[in-house]
Amino acid sequence: MDVLRHRAGTVHMTISDLARYGATHLDGGYGSDPVLLTQSSWQQLHTAFVELAQELSATAGTHR
């Protein structure tokens, strides 16, 4: 029954892992080894969904 109280998206990690996660996002992954994502992917990851949806709808149908 304990499982029923946990919501989707719950994350369990140590404080040091949380700090590393935060630091990686603050520096855009540029200092990480190995490099986790391209610069373009980091920018997309940190783009608000509304902006991304507007950009995608503006370019819809232009790629063939």
PDB file of N, CA and C in Angstrom:
ATOM      1  N   MET A   1       0.813  -1.211   0.000  1.00  0.00           N
ATOM      2  CA  MET A   1       0.000   0.000   0.000  1.00  0.00           C
ATOM      3  C   MET A   1       0.849   1.265   0.000  1.00  0.00           C
ATOM      4  N   ASP A   2       2.093   1.165   0.461  1.00  0.00           N
ATOM      5  CA  ASP A   2       2.967   2.331   0.490  1.00  0.00           C
ATOM      6  C   ASP A   2       3.208   2.878  -0.918  1.00  0.00           C
ATOM      7  N   VAL A   3       3.206   2.004  -1.902  1.00  0.00           N
ATOM      8  CA  VAL A   3       3.437   2.411  -3.281  1.00  0.00           C
ATOM      9  C   VAL A   3       2.348   3.373  -3.760  1.00  0.00           C
ATOM     10  N   LEU A   4       1.157   3.228  -3.274  1.00  0.00           N
ATOM     11  CA  LEU A   4       0.050   4.065  -3.715  1.00  0.00           C
ATOM     12  C   LEU A   4       0.224   5.527  -3.312  1.00  0.00           C
ATOM     13  N   ARG A   5       1.032   5.809  -2.308  1.00  0.00           N
ATOM     14  CA  ARG A   5       1.223   7.184  -1.850  1.00  0.00           C
ATOM     15  C   ARG A   5       2.265   7.925  -2.680  1.00  0.00           C
ATOM     16  N   HIS A   6       3.076   7.227  -3.443  1.00  0.00           N
ATOM     17  CA  HIS A   6       4.118   7.875  -4.246  1.00  0.00           C
ATOM     18  C   HIS A   6       3.529   8.332  -5.573  1.00  0.00           C
ATOM     19  N   ARG A   7       3.842   9.549  -5.928  1.00  0.00           N
ATOM     20  CA  ARG A   7       3.350  10.090  -7.191  1.00  0.00           C
ATOM     21  C   ARG A   7       4.359   9.813  -8.301  1.00  0.00           C
ATOM     22  N   ALA A   8       3.879   9.843  -9.511  1.00  0.00           N
ATOM     23  CA  ALA A   8       4.768   9.683 -10.671  1.00  0.00           C
ATOM     24  C   ALA A   8       5.785  10.815 -10.675  1.00  0.00           C
ATOM     25  N   GLY A   9       7.004  10.491 -11.021  1.00  0.00           N
ATOM     26  CA  GLY A   9       8.041  11.502 -11.078  1.00  0.00           C
ATOM     27  C   GLY A   9       8.859  11.615  -9.809  1.00  0.00           C
ATOM     28  N   THR A  10       8.592  10.792  -8.821  1.00  0.00           N
ATOM     29  CA  THR A  10       9.372  10.811  -7.590  1.00  0.00           C
ATOM     30  C   THR A  10      10.796  10.386  -7.896  1.00  0.00           C
ATOM     31  N   VAL A  11      11.753  11.121  -7.344  1.00  0.00           N
ATOM     32  CA  VAL A  11      13.164  10.820  -7.566  1.00  0.00           C
ATOM     33  C   VAL A  11      13.826  10.586  -6.221  1.00  0.00           C
ATOM     34  N   HIS A  12      14.605   9.537  -6.141  1.00  0.00           N
ATOM     35  CA  HIS A  12      15.352   9.228  -4.923  1.00  0.00           C
ATOM     36  C   HIS A  12      16.832   9.289  -5.246  1.00  0.00           C
ATOM     37  N   MET A  13      17.588  10.142  -4.516  1.00  0.00           N
ATOM     38  CA  MET A  13      19.031  10.247  -4.728  1.00  0.00           C
ATOM     39  C   MET A  13      19.669  10.850  -3.488  1.00  0.00           C
ATOM     40  N   THR A  14      20.986  10.703  -3.415  1.00  0.00           N
ATOM     41  CA  THR A  14      21.711  11.298  -2.300  1.00  0.00           C
ATOM     42  C   THR A  14      21.860  12.801  -2.545  1.00  0.00           C
ATOM     43  N   ILE A  15      22.202  13.531  -1.501  1.00  0.00           N
ATOM     44  CA  ILE A  15      22.418  14.970  -1.634  1.00  0.00           C
ATOM     45  C   ILE A  15      23.583  15.255  -2.591  1.00  0.00           C
ATOM     46  N   SER A  16      24.644  14.443  -2.515  1.00  0.00           N
ATOM     47  CA  SER A  16      25.787  14.673  -3.408  1.00  0.00           C
ATOM     48  C   SER A  16      25.399  14.416  -4.870  1.00  0.00           C
ATOM     49  N   ASP A  17      24.567  13.410  -5.131  1.00  0.00           N
ATOM     50  CA  ASP A  17      24.097  13.174  -6.500  1.00  0.00           C
ATOM     51  C   ASP A  17      23.211  14.324  -6.978  1.00  0.00           C
ATOM     52  N   LEU A  18      22.373  14.845  -6.091  1.00  0.00           N
ATOM     53  CA  LEU A  18      21.526  15.986  -6.447  1.00  0.00           C
ATOM     54  C   LEU A  18      22.392  17.199  -6.779  1.00  0.00           C
ATOM     55  N   ALA A  19      23.449  17.402  -6.015  1.00  0.00           N
ATOM     56  CA  ALA A  19      24.362  18.524  -6.277  1.00  0.00           C
ATOM     57  C   ALA A  19      25.055  18.354  -7.627  1.00  0.00           C
ATOM     58  N   ARG A  20      25.496  17.143  -7.933  1.00  0.00           N
ATOM     59  CA  ARG A  20      26.132  16.887  -9.238  1.00  0.00           C
ATOM     60  C   ARG A  20      25.147  17.114 -10.379  1.00  0.00           C
ATOM     61  N   TYR A  21      23.920  16.665 -10.187  1.00  0.00           N
ATOM     62  CA  TYR A  21      22.865  16.855 -11.190  1.00  0.00           C
ATOM     63  C   TYR A  21      22.649  18.349 -11.438  1.00  0.00           C
ATOM     64  N   GLY A  22      22.525  19.115 -10.363  1.00  0.00           N
ATOM     65  CA  GLY A  22      22.328  20.556 -10.486  1.00  0.00           C
ATOM     66  C   GLY A  22      23.501  21.237 -11.154  1.00  0.00           C
ATOM     67  N   ALA A  23      24.732  20.875 -10.746  1.00  0.00           N
ATOM     68  CA  ALA A  23      25.930  21.476 -11.323  1.00  0.00           C
ATOM     69  C   ALA A  23      26.035  21.164 -12.809  1.00  0.00           C
ATOM     70  N   THR A  24      25.684  19.963 -13.194  1.00  0.00           N
ATOM     71  CA  THR A  24      25.727  19.586 -14.609  1.00  0.00           C
ATOM     72  C   THR A  24      24.779  20.446 -15.427  1.00  0.00           C
ATOM     73  N   HIS A  25      23.585  20.701 -14.889  1.00  0.00           N
ATOM     74  CA  HIS A  25      22.629  21.531 -15.619  1.00  0.00           C
ATOM     75  C   HIS A  25      23.037  22.994 -15.625  1.00  0.00           C
ATOM     76  N   LEU A  26      23.674  23.460 -14.565  1.00  0.00           N
ATOM     77  CA  LEU A  26      24.113  24.849 -14.529  1.00  0.00           C
ATOM     78  C   LEU A  26      25.227  25.129 -15.525  1.00  0.00           C
ATOM     79  N   ASP A  27      26.142  24.181 -15.701  1.00  0.00           N
ATOM     80  CA  ASP A  27      27.237  24.418 -16.655  1.00  0.00           C
ATOM     81  C   ASP A  27      26.927  23.879 -18.043  1.00  0.00           C
ATOM     82  N   GLY A  28      25.731  23.371 -18.237  1.00  0.00           N
ATOM     83  CA  GLY A  28      25.319  22.892 -19.554  1.00  0.00           C
ATOM     84  C   GLY A  28      25.998  21.609 -19.972  1.00  0.00           C
ATOM     85  N   GLY A  29      26.575  20.905 -19.026  1.00  0.00           N
ATOM     86  CA  GLY A  29      27.210  19.638 -19.340  1.00  0.00           C
ATOM     87  C   GLY A  29      28.571  19.776 -19.981  1.00  0.00           C
ATOM     88  N   TYR A  30      29.072  21.009 -20.101  1.00  0.00           N
ATOM     89  CA  TYR A  30      30.336  21.216 -20.808  1.00  0.00           C
ATOM     90  C   TYR A  30      31.528  20.665 -20.050  1.00  0.00           C
ATOM     91  N   GLY A  31      31.433  20.583 -18.726  1.00  0.00           N
ATOM     92  CA  GLY A  31      32.558  20.065 -17.960  1.00  0.00           C
ATOM     93  C   GLY A  31      32.464  18.574 -17.699  1.00  0.00           C
ATOM     94  N   SER A  32      31.407  17.957 -18.149  1.00  0.00           N
ATOM     95  CA  SER A  32      31.209  16.539 -17.841  1.00  0.00           C
ATOM     96  C   SER A  32      32.048  15.656 -18.756  1.00  0.00           C
ATOM     97  N   ASP A  33      32.450  14.549 -18.205  1.00  0.00           N
ATOM     98  CA  ASP A  33      33.229  13.572 -18.972  1.00  0.00           C
ATOM     99  C   ASP A  33      32.606  12.210 -18.720  1.00  0.00           C
ATOM    100  N   PRO A  34      31.996  11.585 -19.664  1.00  0.00           N
ATOM    101  CA  PRO A  34      31.908  11.979 -21.071  1.00  0.00           C
ATOM    102  C   PRO A  34      30.872  13.084 -21.279  1.00  0.00           C
ATOM    103  N   VAL A  35      30.954  13.751 -22.410  1.00  0.00           N
ATOM    104  CA  VAL A  35      29.981  14.781 -22.753  1.00  0.00           C
ATOM    105  C   VAL A  35      28.627  14.098 -22.895  1.00  0.00           C
ATOM    106  N   LEU A  36      27.643  14.608 -22.183  1.00  0.00           N
ATOM    107  CA  LEU A  36      26.339  13.942 -22.142  1.00  0.00           C
ATOM    108  C   LEU A  36      25.443  14.282 -23.317  1.00  0.00           C
ATOM    109  N   LEU A  37      25.394  15.557 -23.685  1.00  0.00           N
ATOM    110  CA  LEU A  37      24.516  16.005 -24.770  1.00  0.00           C
ATOM    111  C   LEU A  37      25.228  17.066 -25.596  1.00  0.00           C
ATOM    112  N   THR A  38      24.762  17.262 -26.810  1.00  0.00           N
ATOM    113  CA  THR A  38      25.296  18.353 -27.630  1.00  0.00           C
ATOM    114  C   THR A  38      24.775  19.674 -27.076  1.00  0.00           C
ATOM    115  N   GLN A  39      25.411  20.770 -27.469  1.00  0.00           N
ATOM    116  CA  GLN A  39      24.968  22.093 -27.017  1.00  0.00           C
ATOM    117  C   GLN A  39      23.523  22.331 -27.446  1.00  0.00           C
ATOM    118  N   SER A  40      23.179  21.923 -28.646  1.00  0.00           N
ATOM    119  CA  SER A  40      21.813  22.070 -29.147  1.00  0.00           C
ATOM    120  C   SER A  40      20.811  21.298 -28.288  1.00  0.00           C
ATOM    121  N   SER A  41      21.192  20.088 -27.875  1.00  0.00           N
ATOM    122  CA  SER A  41      20.304  19.277 -27.042  1.00  0.00           C
ATOM    123  C   SER A  41      20.115  19.901 -25.661  1.00  0.00           C
ATOM    124  N   TRP A  42      21.192  20.470 -25.084  1.00  0.00           N
ATOM    125  CA  TRP A  42      21.069  21.144 -23.775  1.00  0.00           C
ATOM    126  C   TRP A  42      20.135  22.330 -23.895  1.00  0.00           C
ATOM    127  N   GLN A  43      20.243  23.093 -24.991  1.00  0.00           N
ATOM    128  CA  GLN A  43      19.372  24.248 -25.175  1.00  0.00           C
ATOM    129  C   GLN A  43      17.919  23.817 -25.293  1.00  0.00           C
ATOM    130  N   GLN A  44      17.677  22.746 -26.026  1.00  0.00           N
ATOM    131  CA  GLN A  44      16.306  22.244 -26.179  1.00  0.00           C
ATOM    132  C   GLN A  44      15.772  21.726 -24.850  1.00  0.00           C
ATOM    133  N   LEU A  45      16.621  21.050 -24.082  1.00  0.00           N
ATOM    134  CA  LEU A  45      16.217  20.518 -22.784  1.00  0.00           C
ATOM    135  C   LEU A  45      15.788  21.636 -21.835  1.00  0.00           C
ATOM    136  N   HIS A  46      16.434  22.783 -21.945  1.00  0.00           N
ATOM    137  CA  HIS A  46      16.153  23.897 -21.037  1.00  0.00           C
ATOM    138  C   HIS A  46      15.243  24.954 -21.651  1.00  0.00           C
ATOM    139  N   THR A  47      14.596  24.617 -22.751  1.00  0.00           N
ATOM    140  CA  THR A  47      13.630  25.506 -23.370  1.00  0.00           C
ATOM    141  C   THR A  47      12.249  25.184 -22.812  1.00  0.00           C
ATOM    142  N   ALA A  48      11.532  26.224 -22.431  1.00  0.00           N
ATOM    143  CA  ALA A  48      10.182  26.012 -21.914  1.00  0.00           C
ATOM    144  C   ALA A  48       9.345  25.272 -22.951  1.00  0.00           C
ATOM    145  N   PHE A  49       8.493  24.365 -22.511  1.00  0.00           N
ATOM    146  CA  PHE A  49       7.707  23.547 -23.434  1.00  0.00           C
ATOM    147  C   PHE A  49       6.841  24.400 -24.344  1.00  0.00           C
ATOM    148  N   VAL A  50       6.301  25.497 -23.829  1.00  0.00           N
ATOM    149  CA  VAL A  50       5.436  26.357 -24.642  1.00  0.00           C
ATOM    150  C   VAL A  50       6.228  26.926 -25.804  1.00  0.00           C
ATOM    151  N   GLU A  51       7.467  27.394 -25.546  1.00  0.00           N
ATOM    152  CA  GLU A  51       8.304  27.915 -26.621  1.00  0.00           C
ATOM    153  C   GLU A  51       8.603  26.824 -27.643  1.00  0.00           C
ATOM    154  N   LEU A  52       8.918  25.638 -27.159  1.00  0.00           N
ATOM    155  CA  LEU A  52       9.243  24.530 -28.041  1.00  0.00           C
ATOM    156  C   LEU A  52       8.039  24.148 -28.894  1.00  0.00           C
ATOM    157  N   ALA A  53       6.866  24.104 -28.300  1.00  0.00           N
ATOM    158  CA  ALA A  53       5.653  23.757 -29.045  1.00  0.00           C
ATOM    159  C   ALA A  53       5.362  24.799 -30.126  1.00  0.00           C
ATOM    160  N   GLN A  54       5.574  26.076 -29.807  1.00  0.00           N
ATOM    161  CA  GLN A  54       5.353  27.124 -30.803  1.00  0.00           C
ATOM    162  C   GLN A  54       6.343  26.999 -31.947  1.00  0.00           C
ATOM    163  N   GLU A  55       7.590  26.710 -31.620  1.00  0.00           N
ATOM    164  CA  GLU A  55       8.619  26.555 -32.653  1.00  0.00           C
ATOM    165  C   GLU A  55       8.299  25.361 -33.552  1.00  0.00           C
ATOM    166  N   LEU A  56       7.885  24.251 -32.938  1.00  0.00           N
ATOM    167  CA  LEU A  56       7.566  23.062 -33.724  1.00  0.00           C
ATOM    168  C   LEU A  56       6.356  23.275 -34.616  1.00  0.00           C
ATOM    169  N   SER A  57       5.344  23.978 -34.090  1.00  0.00           N
ATOM    170  CA  SER A  57       4.147  24.199 -34.911  1.00  0.00           C
ATOM    171  C   SER A  57       4.447  25.182 -36.052  1.00  0.00           C
ATOM    172  N   ALA A  58       5.379  26.107 -35.835  1.00  0.00           N
ATOM    173  CA  ALA A  58       5.735  27.058 -36.890  1.00  0.00           C
ATOM    174  C   ALA A  58       6.491  26.377 -38.025  1.00  0.00           C
ATOM    175  N   THR A  59       7.216  25.298 -37.718  1.00  0.00           N
ATOM    176  CA  THR A  59       8.008  24.618 -38.736  1.00  0.00           C
ATOM    177  C   THR A  59       7.326  23.349 -39.234  1.00  0.00           C
ATOM    178  N   ALA A  60       6.143  23.057 -38.729  1.00  0.00           N
ATOM    179  CA  ALA A  60       5.447  21.821 -39.135  1.00  0.00           C
ATOM    180  C   ALA A  60       5.172  21.847 -40.632  1.00  0.00           C
ATOM    181  N   GLY A  61       5.485  20.755 -41.268  1.00  0.00           N
ATOM    182  CA  GLY A  61       5.234  20.633 -42.685  1.00  0.00           C
ATOM    183  C   GLY A  61       6.330  21.192 -43.571  1.00  0.00           C
ATOM    184  N   THR A  62       7.375  21.763 -42.973  1.00  0.00           N
ATOM    185  CA  THR A  62       8.459  22.309 -43.782  1.00  0.00           C
ATOM    186  C   THR A  62       9.561  21.294 -44.029  1.00  0.00           C
ATOM    187  N   HIS A  63       9.555  20.203 -43.284  1.00  0.00           N
ATOM    188  CA  HIS A  63      10.570  19.156 -43.445  1.00  0.00           C
ATOM    189  C   HIS A  63       9.985  18.005 -44.259  1.00  0.00           C
ATOM    190  N   ARG A  64      10.673  17.634 -45.306  1.00  0.00           N
ATOM    191  CA  ARG A  64      10.171  16.525 -46.128  1.00  0.00           C
ATOM    192  C   ARG A  64      11.187  15.461 -46.226  1.00  0.00           C
TER     193      ARG A  64
END
